[in-house]
Amino acid sequence: MQTLNLKAPAKVNYLLDVIRRRPDGYHELRMVMQRINLCDEISISLTDSPALTVTCDKNGVPDGPDNIAWKAARIMLDLSGSNQGADIVITKNIPVAAGLGGGSSDAATVLMGFNELLNLSLPDKRLMEIGVTLGADVPFFIFKNTALAEGIGEKLSVMPEMPKMWILIINPGVHVSTAWVYRSLELTNERVLSTLPQFYRTAEDICSI
């Protein structure tokens, strides 16, 4: 049984501009996103049975088909055309519903993991196209760069790498639904976009955004 053990990193937003609500209900955004060294751990084991299972050690995170990682795995197994299945075990270290992208990162990591295990050799661009059908943040975790994200978050441009620094994340233990946050916004004016410095070299540069 082939097994792959992977890490799915969290992300932070140095900037998040909500520009407008689109007719389709999504919001136009402008964000600067950075991966950080806080990671979920994911174990993927291919099986000879066609069954696909996802289990997670965290309350509030669904197992099975309701988990975004399960949906990512199902897409990749279907693309492979094989009769194989998989057992996926997720150890959650990223706080849930905290804006750190844990679910999206898990899905992206599963896409990349199955791409390797199943020898599909899909380019990152194709994986990102698949990823955005699962969630707007999923392509960022396949992009693997500090990024300026626009559109609903799927239009990514490379930003200069941030300097190495510690980030203090305070988790109050309150789960906040992303959909609820956007639905509750009262957008009365066209958003004035923040100015991005050309290079980030210090913490002061980041704070100047």
C-alpha atoms as a PDB file:
ATOM      1  CA  MET A   1       0.000   0.000   0.000  1.00  0.00           C
ATOM      2  CA  GLN A   2       1.539   3.307  -1.117  1.00  0.00           C
ATOM      3  CA  THR A   3       1.497   5.997   1.560  1.00  0.00           C
ATOM      4  CA  LEU A   4       2.456   9.663   1.400  1.00  0.00           C
ATOM      5  CA  ASN A   5       2.815  11.866   4.488  1.00  0.00           C
ATOM      6  CA  LEU A   6       2.457  15.581   3.800  1.00  0.00           C
ATOM      7  CA  LYS A   7       2.188  18.928   5.563  1.00  0.00           C
ATOM      8  CA  ALA A   8      -0.534  21.442   4.680  1.00  0.00           C
ATOM      9  CA  PRO A   9       0.531  24.968   5.717  1.00  0.00           C
ATOM     10  CA  ALA A  10      -1.698  27.730   7.034  1.00  0.00           C
ATOM     11  CA  LYS A  11      -1.686  31.221   5.543  1.00  0.00           C
ATOM     12  CA  VAL A  12      -2.024  34.754   6.816  1.00  0.00           C
ATOM     13  CA  ASN A  13      -3.409  37.772   4.999  1.00  0.00           C
ATOM     14  CA  TYR A  14      -1.199  40.835   5.248  1.00  0.00           C
ATOM     15  CA  LEU A  15      -3.918  42.738   3.425  1.00  0.00           C
ATOM     16  CA  LEU A  16      -7.544  42.036   2.568  1.00  0.00           C
ATOM     17  CA  ASP A  17      -9.525  44.594   0.587  1.00  0.00           C
ATOM     18  CA  VAL A  18     -13.164  43.727  -0.127  1.00  0.00           C
ATOM     19  CA  ILE A  19     -13.856  45.778  -3.234  1.00  0.00           C
ATOM     20  CA  ARG A  20     -17.418  44.944  -4.270  1.00  0.00           C
ATOM     21  CA  ARG A  21     -20.084  42.263  -4.297  1.00  0.00           C
ATOM     22  CA  ARG A  22     -20.517  40.653  -7.705  1.00  0.00           C
ATOM     23  CA  PRO A  23     -23.886  39.791  -9.283  1.00  0.00           C
ATOM     24  CA  ASP A  24     -23.155  36.081  -8.698  1.00  0.00           C
ATOM     25  CA  GLY A  25     -22.896  36.680  -4.940  1.00  0.00           C
ATOM     26  CA  TYR A  26     -19.115  36.387  -4.715  1.00  0.00           C
ATOM     27  CA  HIS A  27     -16.952  39.316  -3.653  1.00  0.00           C
ATOM     28  CA  GLU A  28     -14.129  40.956  -5.582  1.00  0.00           C
ATOM     29  CA  LEU A  29     -11.078  40.900  -3.322  1.00  0.00           C
ATOM     30  CA  ARG A  30      -7.515  42.129  -3.214  1.00  0.00           C
ATOM     31  CA  MET A  31      -5.250  40.295  -0.785  1.00  0.00           C
ATOM     32  CA  VAL A  32      -1.599  39.719   0.010  1.00  0.00           C
ATOM     33  CA  MET A  33      -1.219  36.162   1.282  1.00  0.00           C
ATOM     34  CA  GLN A  34       1.712  34.343   2.852  1.00  0.00           C
ATOM     35  CA  ARG A  35       2.133  30.700   3.840  1.00  0.00           C
ATOM     36  CA  ILE A  36       3.397  30.093   7.380  1.00  0.00           C
ATOM     37  CA  ASN A  37       4.979  27.184   9.235  1.00  0.00           C
ATOM     38  CA  LEU A  38       1.821  26.128  11.059  1.00  0.00           C
ATOM     39  CA  CYS A  39       0.681  22.968   9.315  1.00  0.00           C
ATOM     40  CA  ASP A  40      -1.929  20.248   9.322  1.00  0.00           C
ATOM     41  CA  GLU A  41      -0.516  16.759   8.793  1.00  0.00           C
ATOM     42  CA  ILE A  42      -2.032  14.579   6.089  1.00  0.00           C
ATOM     43  CA  SER A  43      -1.440  10.891   5.435  1.00  0.00           C
ATOM     44  CA  ILE A  44      -2.677   9.486   2.113  1.00  0.00           C
ATOM     45  CA  SER A  45      -2.676   5.722   1.548  1.00  0.00           C
ATOM     46  CA  LEU A  46      -3.795   4.216  -1.752  1.00  0.00           C
ATOM     47  CA  THR A  47      -5.854   1.033  -1.446  1.00  0.00           C
ATOM     48  CA  ASP A  48      -6.955  -1.717  -3.810  1.00  0.00           C
ATOM     49  CA  SER A  49     -10.556  -1.170  -2.728  1.00  0.00           C
ATOM     50  CA  PRO A  50     -12.461   1.645  -4.517  1.00  0.00           C
ATOM     51  CA  ALA A  51     -13.639   3.047  -1.169  1.00  0.00           C
ATOM     52  CA  LEU A  52     -12.474   6.544  -0.227  1.00  0.00           C
ATOM     53  CA  THR A  53     -12.323   7.534   3.438  1.00  0.00           C
ATOM     54  CA  VAL A  54     -11.273  10.738   5.176  1.00  0.00           C
ATOM     55  CA  THR A  55     -10.929  10.868   8.948  1.00  0.00           C
ATOM     56  CA  CYS A  56      -9.971  13.859  11.064  1.00  0.00           C
ATOM     57  CA  ASP A  57      -9.102  14.146  14.735  1.00  0.00           C
ATOM     58  CA  LYS A  58     -10.841  17.510  15.247  1.00  0.00           C
ATOM     59  CA  ASN A  59     -14.410  18.076  16.398  1.00  0.00           C
ATOM     60  CA  GLY A  60     -16.320  20.228  13.950  1.00  0.00           C
ATOM     61  CA  VAL A  61     -14.370  18.988  10.925  1.00  0.00           C
ATOM     62  CA  PRO A  62     -16.469  16.549   8.872  1.00  0.00           C
ATOM     63  CA  ASP A  63     -15.273  13.124   7.844  1.00  0.00           C
ATOM     64  CA  GLY A  64     -16.211  11.628   4.495  1.00  0.00           C
ATOM     65  CA  PRO A  65     -17.826  13.385   1.514  1.00  0.00           C
ATOM     66  CA  ASP A  66     -18.558  16.613   3.408  1.00  0.00           C
ATOM     67  CA  ASN A  67     -14.828  17.239   3.830  1.00  0.00           C
ATOM     68  CA  ILE A  68     -13.210  19.376   1.109  1.00  0.00           C
ATOM     69  CA  ALA A  69     -10.185  17.057   1.140  1.00  0.00           C
ATOM     70  CA  TRP A  70     -12.493  14.120   0.289  1.00  0.00           C
ATOM     71  CA  LYS A  71     -13.864  16.082  -2.677  1.00  0.00           C
ATOM     72  CA  ALA A  72     -10.318  16.831  -3.878  1.00  0.00           C
ATOM     73  CA  ALA A  73      -9.356  13.167  -3.604  1.00  0.00           C
ATOM     74  CA  ARG A  74     -12.486  12.041  -5.446  1.00  0.00           C
ATOM     75  CA  ILE A  75     -11.686  14.331  -8.385  1.00  0.00           C
ATOM     76  CA  MET A  76      -8.134  13.004  -8.671  1.00  0.00           C
ATOM     77  CA  LEU A  77      -9.149   9.349  -8.396  1.00  0.00           C
ATOM     78  CA  ASP A  78     -11.781   9.877 -11.098  1.00  0.00           C
ATOM     79  CA  LEU A  79      -9.203  11.573 -13.338  1.00  0.00           C
ATOM     80  CA  SER A  80      -6.868   8.607 -12.931  1.00  0.00           C
ATOM     81  CA  GLY A  81      -9.457   6.194 -14.316  1.00  0.00           C
ATOM     82  CA  SER A  82      -8.300   3.538 -11.858  1.00  0.00           C
ATOM     83  CA  ASN A  83     -10.373   1.461  -9.472  1.00  0.00           C
ATOM     84  CA  GLN A  84      -8.166   2.352  -6.533  1.00  0.00           C
ATOM     85  CA  GLY A  85      -9.412   4.055  -3.408  1.00  0.00           C
ATOM     86  CA  ALA A  86      -7.648   5.756  -0.539  1.00  0.00           C
ATOM     87  CA  ASP A  87      -7.581   6.263   3.202  1.00  0.00           C
ATOM     88  CA  ILE A  88      -6.799   9.856   4.208  1.00  0.00           C
ATOM     89  CA  VAL A  89      -6.032  10.816   7.800  1.00  0.00           C
ATOM     90  CA  ILE A  90      -5.883  14.507   8.729  1.00  0.00           C
ATOM     91  CA  THR A  91      -4.290  15.715  11.952  1.00  0.00           C
ATOM     92  CA  LYS A  92      -5.540  19.264  12.486  1.00  0.00           C
ATOM     93  CA  ASN A  93      -3.046  21.726  13.935  1.00  0.00           C
ATOM     94  CA  ILE A  94      -4.485  24.783  12.164  1.00  0.00           C
ATOM     95  CA  PRO A  95      -7.428  26.325  14.077  1.00  0.00           C
ATOM     96  CA  VAL A  96     -10.745  25.669  12.366  1.00  0.00           C
ATOM     97  CA  ALA A  97     -12.791  28.552  10.879  1.00  0.00           C
ATOM     98  CA  ALA A  98     -10.104  31.059  11.884  1.00  0.00           C
ATOM     99  CA  GLY A  99      -9.296  32.584   8.490  1.00  0.00           C
ATOM    100  CA  LEU A 100      -6.011  30.663   8.229  1.00  0.00           C
ATOM    101  CA  GLY A 101      -7.026  28.574   5.214  1.00  0.00           C
ATOM    102  CA  GLY A 102      -6.748  25.161   6.850  1.00  0.00           C
ATOM    103  CA  GLY A 103      -9.457  23.448   4.810  1.00  0.00           C
ATOM    104  CA  SER A 104      -8.271  24.981   1.542  1.00  0.00           C
ATOM    105  CA  SER A 105      -4.693  23.979   2.297  1.00  0.00           C
ATOM    106  CA  ASP A 106      -5.778  20.416   3.083  1.00  0.00           C
ATOM    107  CA  ALA A 107      -7.585  20.229  -0.272  1.00  0.00           C
ATOM    108  CA  ALA A 108      -4.605  21.649  -2.178  1.00  0.00           C
ATOM    109  CA  THR A 109      -2.225  19.250  -0.451  1.00  0.00           C
ATOM    110  CA  VAL A 110      -4.477  16.307  -1.312  1.00  0.00           C
ATOM    111  CA  LEU A 111      -4.589  17.400  -4.973  1.00  0.00           C
ATOM    112  CA  MET A 112      -0.788  17.577  -5.112  1.00  0.00           C
ATOM    113  CA  GLY A 113      -0.382  14.337  -3.167  1.00  0.00           C
ATOM    114  CA  PHE A 114      -2.669  12.338  -5.448  1.00  0.00           C
ATOM    115  CA  ASN A 115      -1.010  13.891  -8.482  1.00  0.00           C
ATOM    116  CA  GLU A 116       2.235  12.320  -7.252  1.00  0.00           C
ATOM    117  CA  LEU A 117       0.842   9.007  -5.991  1.00  0.00           C
ATOM    118  CA  LEU A 118      -1.209   8.354  -9.130  1.00  0.00           C
ATOM    119  CA  ASN A 119       1.568   9.527 -11.493  1.00  0.00           C
ATOM    120  CA  LEU A 120      -0.826  11.920 -13.220  1.00  0.00           C
ATOM    121  CA  SER A 121       1.895  14.537 -13.864  1.00  0.00           C
ATOM    122  CA  LEU A 122      -0.637  17.357 -14.025  1.00  0.00           C
ATOM    123  CA  PRO A 123       1.037  20.806 -14.082  1.00  0.00           C
ATOM    124  CA  ASP A 124       0.381  23.211 -11.215  1.00  0.00           C
ATOM    125  CA  LYS A 125      -1.737  25.369 -13.544  1.00  0.00           C
ATOM    126  CA  ARG A 126      -4.154  22.472 -14.090  1.00  0.00           C
ATOM    127  CA  LEU A 127      -4.213  21.643 -10.372  1.00  0.00           C
ATOM    128  CA  MET A 128      -5.041  25.289  -9.651  1.00  0.00           C
ATOM    129  CA  GLU A 129      -7.921  25.155 -12.149  1.00  0.00           C
ATOM    130  CA  ILE A 130      -9.264  22.114 -10.318  1.00  0.00           C
ATOM    131  CA  GLY A 131      -8.613  23.751  -6.962  1.00  0.00           C
ATOM    132  CA  VAL A 132     -10.701  26.850  -7.615  1.00  0.00           C
ATOM    133  CA  THR A 133     -13.756  24.634  -8.188  1.00  0.00           C
ATOM    134  CA  LEU A 134     -13.331  23.511  -4.571  1.00  0.00           C
ATOM    135  CA  GLY A 135     -12.614  26.883  -2.979  1.00  0.00           C
ATOM    136  CA  ALA A 136     -11.233  30.310  -3.848  1.00  0.00           C
ATOM    137  CA  ASP A 137      -8.151  29.936  -1.604  1.00  0.00           C
ATOM    138  CA  VAL A 138      -7.163  26.465  -2.828  1.00  0.00           C
ATOM    139  CA  PRO A 139      -5.076  27.666  -5.830  1.00  0.00           C
ATOM    140  CA  PHE A 140      -2.916  29.827  -3.527  1.00  0.00           C
ATOM    141  CA  PHE A 141      -1.597  26.758  -1.706  1.00  0.00           C
ATOM    142  CA  ILE A 142      -0.602  25.186  -5.026  1.00  0.00           C
ATOM    143  CA  PHE A 143       0.972  28.475  -6.195  1.00  0.00           C
ATOM    144  CA  LYS A 144       3.670  28.169  -3.460  1.00  0.00           C
ATOM    145  CA  ASN A 145       4.627  31.865  -3.466  1.00  0.00           C
ATOM    146  CA  THR A 146       3.818  34.960  -1.495  1.00  0.00           C
ATOM    147  CA  ALA A 147       0.984  36.268  -3.635  1.00  0.00           C
ATOM    148  CA  LEU A 148      -1.194  39.192  -4.548  1.00  0.00           C
ATOM    149  CA  ALA A 149      -4.609  37.573  -4.983  1.00  0.00           C
ATOM    150  CA  GLU A 150      -7.402  39.282  -6.896  1.00  0.00           C
ATOM    151  CA  GLY A 151     -10.801  38.350  -8.296  1.00  0.00           C
ATOM    152  CA  ILE A 152     -12.353  35.990  -5.744  1.00  0.00           C
ATOM    153  CA  GLY A 153      -8.811  35.034  -4.771  1.00  0.00           C
ATOM    154  CA  GLU A 154      -7.977  32.886  -7.786  1.00  0.00           C
ATOM    155  CA  LYS A 155      -5.996  35.478  -9.800  1.00  0.00           C
ATOM    156  CA  LEU A 156      -2.498  35.201  -8.353  1.00  0.00           C
ATOM    157  CA  SER A 157       0.619  37.287  -8.931  1.00  0.00           C
ATOM    158  CA  VAL A 158       3.995  36.641  -7.321  1.00  0.00           C
ATOM    159  CA  MET A 159       4.988  39.097  -4.595  1.00  0.00           C
ATOM    160  CA  PRO A 160       8.510  39.532  -3.169  1.00  0.00           C
ATOM    161  CA  GLU A 161       9.265  37.002  -0.441  1.00  0.00           C
ATOM    162  CA  MET A 162       8.656  38.299   3.062  1.00  0.00           C
ATOM    163  CA  PRO A 163      11.556  38.508   5.529  1.00  0.00           C
ATOM    164  CA  LYS A 164      11.741  35.676   8.062  1.00  0.00           C
ATOM    165  CA  MET A 165       9.934  36.683  11.222  1.00  0.00           C
ATOM    166  CA  TRP A 166       7.793  35.367  14.032  1.00  0.00           C
ATOM    167  CA  ILE A 167       4.030  35.788  13.771  1.00  0.00           C
ATOM    168  CA  LEU A 168       1.869  35.760  16.890  1.00  0.00           C
ATOM    169  CA  ILE A 169      -1.545  34.214  16.231  1.00  0.00           C
ATOM    170  CA  ILE A 170      -4.103  34.557  19.014  1.00  0.00           C
ATOM    171  CA  ASN A 171      -6.944  32.060  18.741  1.00  0.00           C
ATOM    172  CA  PRO A 172     -10.005  32.991  20.840  1.00  0.00           C
ATOM    173  CA  GLY A 173     -11.566  29.623  20.023  1.00  0.00           C
ATOM    174  CA  VAL A 174     -14.503  31.199  18.203  1.00  0.00           C
ATOM    175  CA  HIS A 175     -15.438  29.622  14.871  1.00  0.00           C
ATOM    176  CA  VAL A 176     -16.404  32.208  12.255  1.00  0.00           C
ATOM    177  CA  SER A 177     -17.886  31.156   8.917  1.00  0.00           C
ATOM    178  CA  THR A 178     -16.267  32.896   5.941  1.00  0.00           C
ATOM    179  CA  ALA A 179     -19.609  32.885   4.121  1.00  0.00           C
ATOM    180  CA  TRP A 180     -21.276  34.559   7.118  1.00  0.00           C
ATOM    181  CA  VAL A 181     -18.594  37.264   7.288  1.00  0.00           C
ATOM    182  CA  TYR A 182     -18.975  38.219   3.627  1.00  0.00           C
ATOM    183  CA  ARG A 183     -22.754  37.987   3.768  1.00  0.00           C
ATOM    184  CA  SER A 184     -22.790  40.370   6.742  1.00  0.00           C
ATOM    185  CA  LEU A 185     -20.653  43.071   5.125  1.00  0.00           C
ATOM    186  CA  GLU A 186     -22.375  46.368   4.422  1.00  0.00           C
ATOM    187  CA  LEU A 187     -20.596  47.582   1.303  1.00  0.00           C
ATOM    188  CA  THR A 188     -21.855  51.106   0.778  1.00  0.00           C
ATOM    189  CA  ASN A 189     -18.913  52.627  -1.098  1.00  0.00           C
ATOM    190  CA  GLU A 190     -16.482  51.490  -3.767  1.00  0.00           C
ATOM    191  CA  ARG A 191     -13.380  50.371  -1.880  1.00  0.00           C
ATOM    192  CA  VAL A 192     -10.244  52.530  -2.050  1.00  0.00           C
ATOM    193  CA  LEU A 193      -7.420  50.082  -2.673  1.00  0.00           C
ATOM    194  CA  SER A 194      -4.453  49.954  -0.351  1.00  0.00           C
ATOM    195  CA  THR A 195      -1.039  50.932  -1.658  1.00  0.00           C
ATOM    196  CA  LEU A 196       1.426  48.057  -1.880  1.00  0.00           C
ATOM    197  CA  PRO A 197       5.118  48.816  -1.236  1.00  0.00           C
ATOM    198  CA  GLN A 198       7.411  47.584  -3.984  1.00  0.00           C
ATOM    199  CA  PHE A 199       9.503  45.456  -1.617  1.00  0.00           C
ATOM    200  CA  TYR A 200       9.017  44.033   1.844  1.00  0.00           C
ATOM    201  CA  ARG A 201      12.260  44.089   3.818  1.00  0.00           C
ATOM    202  CA  THR A 202      11.188  44.812   7.379  1.00  0.00           C
ATOM    203  CA  ALA A 203       8.212  44.452   9.670  1.00  0.00           C
ATOM    204  CA  GLU A 204       7.655  48.190   9.171  1.00  0.00           C
ATOM    205  CA  ASP A 205       7.192  47.614   5.426  1.00  0.00           C
ATOM    206  CA  ILE A 206       4.474  45.069   6.126  1.00  0.00           C
ATOM    207  CA  CYS A 207       2.785  47.390   8.630  1.00  0.00           C
ATOM    208  CA  SER A 208       2.777  50.150   6.018  1.00  0.00           C
ATOM    209  CA  ILE A 209       0.370  48.264   3.743  1.00  0.00           C
END
